[in-house]
Each structure stands twice: as structure tokens, then as C-alpha cells.
PDB file of N, CA and C in Angstrom:
ATOM      1  N   MET A   1       0.226 -41.871  35.679  1.00  0.00           N
ATOM      2  CA  MET A   1       1.406 -41.217  34.946  1.00  0.00           C
ATOM      3  C   MET A   1       2.688 -41.770  34.859  1.00  0.00           C
ATOM      4  N   ARG A   2       3.302 -42.035  33.846  1.00  0.00           N
ATOM      5  CA  ARG A   2       4.449 -42.596  33.478  1.00  0.00           C
ATOM      6  C   ARG A   2       5.750 -41.703  33.985  1.00  0.00           C
ATOM      7  N   ARG A   3       6.758 -41.818  34.578  1.00  0.00           N
ATOM      8  CA  ARG A   3       7.718 -41.185  34.847  1.00  0.00           C
ATOM      9  C   ARG A   3       8.766 -41.490  34.239  1.00  0.00           C
ATOM     10  N   PHE A   4       9.843 -40.508  33.606  1.00  0.00           N
ATOM     11  CA  PHE A   4      10.876 -40.898  33.260  1.00  0.00           C
ATOM     12  C   PHE A   4      11.970 -40.199  33.874  1.00  0.00           C
ATOM     13  N   PRO A   5      13.224 -40.984  33.861  1.00  0.00           N
ATOM     14  CA  PRO A   5      14.389 -40.607  34.812  1.00  0.00           C
ATOM     15  C   PRO A   5      14.993 -39.277  34.340  1.00  0.00           C
ATOM     16  N   ILE A   6      15.171 -38.312  35.013  1.00  0.00           N
ATOM     17  CA  ILE A   6      15.676 -36.860  34.712  1.00  0.00           C
ATOM     18  C   ILE A   6      17.262 -36.927  34.876  1.00  0.00           C
ATOM     19  N   ARG A   7      18.048 -36.669  34.107  1.00  0.00           N
ATOM     20  CA  ARG A   7      19.258 -36.484  34.154  1.00  0.00           C
ATOM     21  C   ARG A   7      19.958 -35.461  33.569  1.00  0.00           C
ATOM     22  N   PRO A   8      21.074 -34.767  33.585  1.00  0.00           N
ATOM     23  CA  PRO A   8      21.735 -33.798  32.952  1.00  0.00           C
ATOM     24  C   PRO A   8      22.141 -34.157  31.533  1.00  0.00           C
ATOM     25  N   VAL A   9      22.087 -33.315  30.686  1.00  0.00           N
ATOM     26  CA  VAL A   9      22.694 -33.482  29.499  1.00  0.00           C
ATOM     27  C   VAL A   9      23.788 -32.348  29.149  1.00  0.00           C
ATOM     28  N   ASN A  10      24.616 -32.459  28.292  1.00  0.00           N
ATOM     29  CA  ASN A  10      25.398 -31.572  27.660  1.00  0.00           C
ATOM     30  C   ASN A  10      24.639 -30.854  26.362  1.00  0.00           C
ATOM     31  N   VAL A  11      24.727 -29.520  26.152  1.00  0.00           N
ATOM     32  CA  VAL A  11      24.205 -28.954  25.430  1.00  0.00           C
ATOM     33  C   VAL A  11      24.994 -28.178  24.699  1.00  0.00           C
ATOM     34  N   ARG A  12      25.228 -28.179  23.393  1.00  0.00           N
ATOM     35  CA  ARG A  12      25.940 -27.102  22.374  1.00  0.00           C
ATOM     36  C   ARG A  12      25.254 -26.305  21.531  1.00  0.00           C
ATOM     37  N   PHE A  13      25.226 -25.139  21.458  1.00  0.00           N
ATOM     38  CA  PHE A  13      24.581 -24.337  20.540  1.00  0.00           C
ATOM     39  C   PHE A  13      25.825 -23.659  19.391  1.00  0.00           C
ATOM     40  N   ALA A  14      25.322 -23.538  18.346  1.00  0.00           N
ATOM     41  CA  ALA A  14      26.243 -23.323  17.359  1.00  0.00           C
ATOM     42  C   ALA A  14      26.337 -21.775  17.353  1.00  0.00           C
ATOM     43  N   GLN A  15      27.291 -21.143  16.772  1.00  0.00           N
ATOM     44  CA  GLN A  15      27.377 -19.827  16.781  1.00  0.00           C
ATOM     45  C   GLN A  15      26.332 -19.050  15.830  1.00  0.00           C
ATOM     46  N   ASN A  16      26.165 -17.979  15.933  1.00  0.00           N
ATOM     47  CA  ASN A  16      25.605 -17.135  15.066  1.00  0.00           C
ATOM     48  C   ASN A  16      26.183 -16.626  13.901  1.00  0.00           C
ATOM     49  N   LEU A  17      26.069 -17.359  12.602  1.00  0.00           N
ATOM     50  CA  LEU A  17      26.933 -17.234  11.490  1.00  0.00           C
ATOM     51  C   LEU A  17      26.783 -16.046  10.436  1.00  0.00           C
ATOM     52  N   SER A  18      25.584 -15.657  11.005  1.00  0.00           N
ATOM     53  CA  SER A  18      25.218 -14.331  10.082  1.00  0.00           C
ATOM     54  C   SER A  18      25.944 -12.730  10.431  1.00  0.00           C
ATOM     55  N   GLN A  19      26.079 -12.181  10.052  1.00  0.00           N
ATOM     56  CA  GLN A  19      26.485 -10.675  10.224  1.00  0.00           C
ATOM     57  C   GLN A  19      25.624  -9.599   9.938  1.00  0.00           C
ATOM     58  N   GLY A  20      25.434  -8.398  10.435  1.00  0.00           N
ATOM     59  CA  GLY A  20      24.548  -7.452  10.185  1.00  0.00           C
ATOM     60  C   GLY A  20      25.227  -6.496   8.937  1.00  0.00           C
ATOM     61  N   LEU A  21      24.410  -5.797   8.371  1.00  0.00           N
ATOM     62  CA  LEU A  21      24.795  -4.602   7.476  1.00  0.00           C
ATOM     63  C   LEU A  21      23.781  -3.622   7.553  1.00  0.00           C
ATOM     64  N   THR A  22      24.159  -2.289   7.531  1.00  0.00           N
ATOM     65  CA  THR A  22      23.281  -1.456   7.753  1.00  0.00           C
ATOM     66  C   THR A  22      23.390  -0.459   6.534  1.00  0.00           C
ATOM     67  N   ILE A  23      22.248  -0.218   5.847  1.00  0.00           N
ATOM     68  CA  ILE A  23      22.145   0.599   4.753  1.00  0.00           C
ATOM     69  C   ILE A  23      21.013   1.719   5.063  1.00  0.00           C
ATOM     70  N   ARG A  24      21.296   2.866   4.269  1.00  0.00           N
ATOM     71  CA  ARG A  24      20.265   4.018   4.366  1.00  0.00           C
ATOM     72  C   ARG A  24      19.399   4.281   3.203  1.00  0.00           C
ATOM     73  N   LEU A  25      18.074   4.188   3.315  1.00  0.00           N
ATOM     74  CA  LEU A  25      17.425   4.385   2.327  1.00  0.00           C
ATOM     75  C   LEU A  25      16.521   5.807   2.205  1.00  0.00           C
ATOM     76  N   GLU A  26      16.055   6.158   1.265  1.00  0.00           N
ATOM     77  CA  GLU A  26      14.971   7.633   1.443  1.00  0.00           C
ATOM     78  C   GLU A  26      13.939   6.963   1.987  1.00  0.00           C
ATOM     79  N   SER A  27      13.199   7.965   2.326  1.00  0.00           N
ATOM     80  CA  SER A  27      11.756   7.612   3.159  1.00  0.00           C
ATOM     81  C   SER A  27      10.979   7.119   2.392  1.00  0.00           C
ATOM     82  N   ASP A  28      10.886   7.339   0.965  1.00  0.00           N
ATOM     83  CA  ASP A  28       9.701   6.924   0.069  1.00  0.00           C
ATOM     84  C   ASP A  28      10.183   5.144  -0.201  1.00  0.00           C
ATOM     85  N   THR A  29      11.450   5.205  -0.432  1.00  0.00           N
ATOM     86  CA  THR A  29      11.809   3.757  -0.826  1.00  0.00           C
ATOM     87  C   THR A  29      11.977   2.988   0.537  1.00  0.00           C
ATOM     88  N   LEU A  30      12.189   3.140   1.574  1.00  0.00           N
ATOM     89  CA  LEU A  30      11.739   2.685   2.694  1.00  0.00           C
ATOM     90  C   LEU A  30      10.452   2.084   3.098  1.00  0.00           C
ATOM     91  N   GLU A  31       9.510   3.373   2.817  1.00  0.00           N
ATOM     92  CA  GLU A  31       7.984   3.034   3.066  1.00  0.00           C
ATOM     93  C   GLU A  31       7.517   1.856   1.758  1.00  0.00           C
ATOM     94  N   GLU A  32       8.190   1.959   0.765  1.00  0.00           N
ATOM     95  CA  GLU A  32       7.598   0.882  -0.310  1.00  0.00           C
ATOM     96  C   GLU A  32       8.077  -0.586   0.135  1.00  0.00           C
ATOM     97  N   LEU A  33       9.436  -0.439   0.481  1.00  0.00           N
ATOM     98  CA  LEU A  33       9.827  -1.506   0.974  1.00  0.00           C
ATOM     99  C   LEU A  33       8.898  -2.271   2.100  1.00  0.00           C
ATOM    100  N   ARG A  34       8.835  -1.265   3.053  1.00  0.00           N
ATOM    101  CA  ARG A  34       7.864  -1.684   4.246  1.00  0.00           C
ATOM    102  C   ARG A  34       6.188  -2.234   3.725  1.00  0.00           C
ATOM    103  N   SER A  35       5.865  -1.614   2.736  1.00  0.00           N
ATOM    104  CA  SER A  35       4.476  -1.850   2.213  1.00  0.00           C
ATOM    105  C   SER A  35       4.681  -3.079   1.485  1.00  0.00           C
ATOM    106  N   ARG A  36       5.488  -3.644   0.837  1.00  0.00           N
ATOM    107  CA  ARG A  36       5.814  -4.902  -0.143  1.00  0.00           C
ATOM    108  C   ARG A  36       5.864  -5.911   0.905  1.00  0.00           C
ATOM    109  N   ALA A  37       6.721  -5.833   2.095  1.00  0.00           N
ATOM    110  CA  ALA A  37       6.905  -6.823   2.886  1.00  0.00           C
ATOM    111  C   ALA A  37       5.741  -7.032   3.837  1.00  0.00           C
ATOM    112  N   ARG A  38       4.790  -6.182   4.120  1.00  0.00           N
ATOM    113  CA  ARG A  38       3.648  -5.905   4.866  1.00  0.00           C
ATOM    114  C   ARG A  38       2.672  -7.507   3.865  1.00  0.00           C
ATOM    115  N   ARG A  39       2.594  -7.049   2.724  1.00  0.00           N
ATOM    116  CA  ARG A  39       1.667  -7.488   1.821  1.00  0.00           C
ATOM    117  C   ARG A  39       2.152  -9.054   1.807  1.00  0.00           C
ATOM    118  N   GLN A  40       3.239  -9.688   2.032  1.00  0.00           N
ATOM    119  CA  GLN A  40       3.829 -10.693   1.966  1.00  0.00           C
ATOM    120  C   GLN A  40       3.986 -11.464   3.570  1.00  0.00           C
ATOM    121  N   GLY A  41       3.581 -10.520   4.368  1.00  0.00           N
ATOM    122  CA  GLY A  41       3.505 -11.461   5.824  1.00  0.00           C
ATOM    123  C   GLY A  41       4.651 -11.400   6.487  1.00  0.00           C
ATOM    124  N   ILE A  42       5.960 -10.567   5.895  1.00  0.00           N
ATOM    125  CA  ILE A  42       7.347 -10.734   6.550  1.00  0.00           C
ATOM    126  C   ILE A  42       7.741  -9.177   6.831  1.00  0.00           C
ATOM    127  N   GLY A  43       8.840  -9.265   7.374  1.00  0.00           N
ATOM    128  CA  GLY A  43       9.398  -7.714   7.737  1.00  0.00           C
ATOM    129  C   GLY A  43      10.176  -7.270   6.875  1.00  0.00           C
ATOM    130  N   PRO A  44      10.249  -6.047   6.698  1.00  0.00           N
ATOM    131  CA  PRO A  44      11.030  -5.474   5.635  1.00  0.00           C
ATOM    132  C   PRO A  44      12.789  -5.767   5.497  1.00  0.00           C
ATOM    133  N   THR A  45      13.236  -6.237   6.535  1.00  0.00           N
ATOM    134  CA  THR A  45      14.756  -6.661   6.704  1.00  0.00           C
ATOM    135  C   THR A  45      14.807  -7.836   5.936  1.00  0.00           C
ATOM    136  N   THR A  46      13.911  -8.786   6.388  1.00  0.00           N
ATOM    137  CA  THR A  46      13.969  -9.981   5.816  1.00  0.00           C
ATOM    138  C   THR A  46      13.786 -10.067   4.302  1.00  0.00           C
ATOM    139  N   LEU A  47      12.724  -9.295   3.532  1.00  0.00           N
ATOM    140  CA  LEU A  47      12.431  -8.980   2.287  1.00  0.00           C
ATOM    141  C   LEU A  47      13.908  -8.408   1.796  1.00  0.00           C
ATOM    142  N   ALA A  48      14.388  -7.451   2.350  1.00  0.00           N
ATOM    143  CA  ALA A  48      15.575  -6.947   1.876  1.00  0.00           C
ATOM    144  C   ALA A  48      16.548  -8.059   1.721  1.00  0.00           C
ATOM    145  N   CYS A  49      16.706  -8.759   2.551  1.00  0.00           N
ATOM    146  CA  CYS A  49      17.677  -9.829   2.810  1.00  0.00           C
ATOM    147  C   CYS A  49      17.490 -10.829   1.802  1.00  0.00           C
ATOM    148  N   MET A  50      16.099 -11.217   1.583  1.00  0.00           N
ATOM    149  CA  MET A  50      16.032 -12.182   0.297  1.00  0.00           C
ATOM    150  C   MET A  50      15.987 -11.491  -1.090  1.00  0.00           C
ATOM    151  N   TRP A  51      16.036 -10.540  -1.332  1.00  0.00           N
ATOM    152  CA  TRP A  51      16.303  -9.735  -2.716  1.00  0.00           C
ATOM    153  C   TRP A  51      17.616  -9.763  -2.840  1.00  0.00           C
ATOM    154  N   ILE A  52      18.494  -9.348  -1.711  1.00  0.00           N
ATOM    155  CA  ILE A  52      19.704  -9.274  -1.888  1.00  0.00           C
ATOM    156  C   ILE A  52      20.495 -10.573  -2.526  1.00  0.00           C
ATOM    157  N   VAL A  53      20.249 -11.738  -1.351  1.00  0.00           N
ATOM    158  CA  VAL A  53      20.654 -13.073  -1.614  1.00  0.00           C
ATOM    159  C   VAL A  53      20.121 -13.546  -3.221  1.00  0.00           C
ATOM    160  N   ASP A  54      18.998 -13.386  -3.662  1.00  0.00           N
ATOM    161  CA  ASP A  54      18.637 -13.559  -4.716  1.00  0.00           C
ATOM    162  C   ASP A  54      19.274 -13.097  -5.844  1.00  0.00           C
ATOM    163  N   ARG A  55      19.506 -11.968  -5.632  1.00  0.00           N
ATOM    164  CA  ARG A  55      20.246 -11.271  -6.773  1.00  0.00           C
ATOM    165  C   ARG A  55      21.689 -11.751  -6.881  1.00  0.00           C
ATOM    166  N   LEU A  56      22.414 -12.001  -5.653  1.00  0.00           N
ATOM    167  CA  LEU A  56      23.828 -12.645  -5.701  1.00  0.00           C
ATOM    168  C   LEU A  56      23.925 -13.856  -6.343  1.00  0.00           C
ATOM    169  N   ARG A  57      22.774 -14.497  -6.113  1.00  0.00           N
ATOM    170  CA  ARG A  57      22.654 -16.076  -6.712  1.00  0.00           C
ATOM    171  C   ARG A  57      22.440 -16.133  -8.120  1.00  0.00           C
ATOM    172  N   ARG A  58      21.628 -15.126  -8.353  1.00  0.00           N
ATOM    173  CA  ARG A  58      21.617 -14.993  -9.994  1.00  0.00           C
ATOM    174  C   ARG A  58      22.764 -14.692 -10.589  1.00  0.00           C
ATOM    175  N   GLU A  59      23.282 -13.601 -10.148  1.00  0.00           N
ATOM    176  CA  GLU A  59      24.577 -13.170 -11.014  1.00  0.00           C
ATOM    177  C   GLU A  59      25.748 -14.061 -10.862  1.00  0.00           C
ATOM    178  N   LEU A  60      25.546 -15.363 -10.025  1.00  0.00           N
ATOM    179  CA  LEU A  60      26.612 -16.290  -9.858  1.00  0.00           C
ATOM    180  C   LEU A  60      26.565 -17.329 -11.255  1.00  0.00           C
ATOM    181  N   ASP A  61      24.838 -17.314 -11.879  1.00  0.00           N
ATOM    182  CA  ASP A  61      24.609 -18.120 -12.528  1.00  0.00           C
ATOM    183  C   ASP A  61      25.147 -17.889 -13.978  1.00  0.00           C
TER     184      ASP A  61
END
């Protein structure tokens, strides 16, 4: 078995650059969002974020 020297290293982590947003949805709207997200294999928050970012980018064009 080959051995490698072990030595301490300095590690720096970037700050979390994202921020949170809370929105309220009616029950049927939230259930539809969850259903669509489930079909894509992602979470509803991820899907909502993707939609918002996509819409903002399209409106910039």
C-alpha cells in the first residue's frame, strides 16, 4: 500500500450567494406545482425557481 504524506491545508468556502423568498399559493396551485415537479424528478421549490429565473431572463431579451 502506498502512503502519502498528510499535511494541513487552508480551506476557504464561498458565502452562500442566494437569498430566500417566501410566497403564498392556494392549495390547488401548490398541489399542481408539486405534481409537475414530481413528474420532472425535482422539488417544487426548484421548479418554481427555474420558472422565475426563466421568465426574468426572457423578459430581459
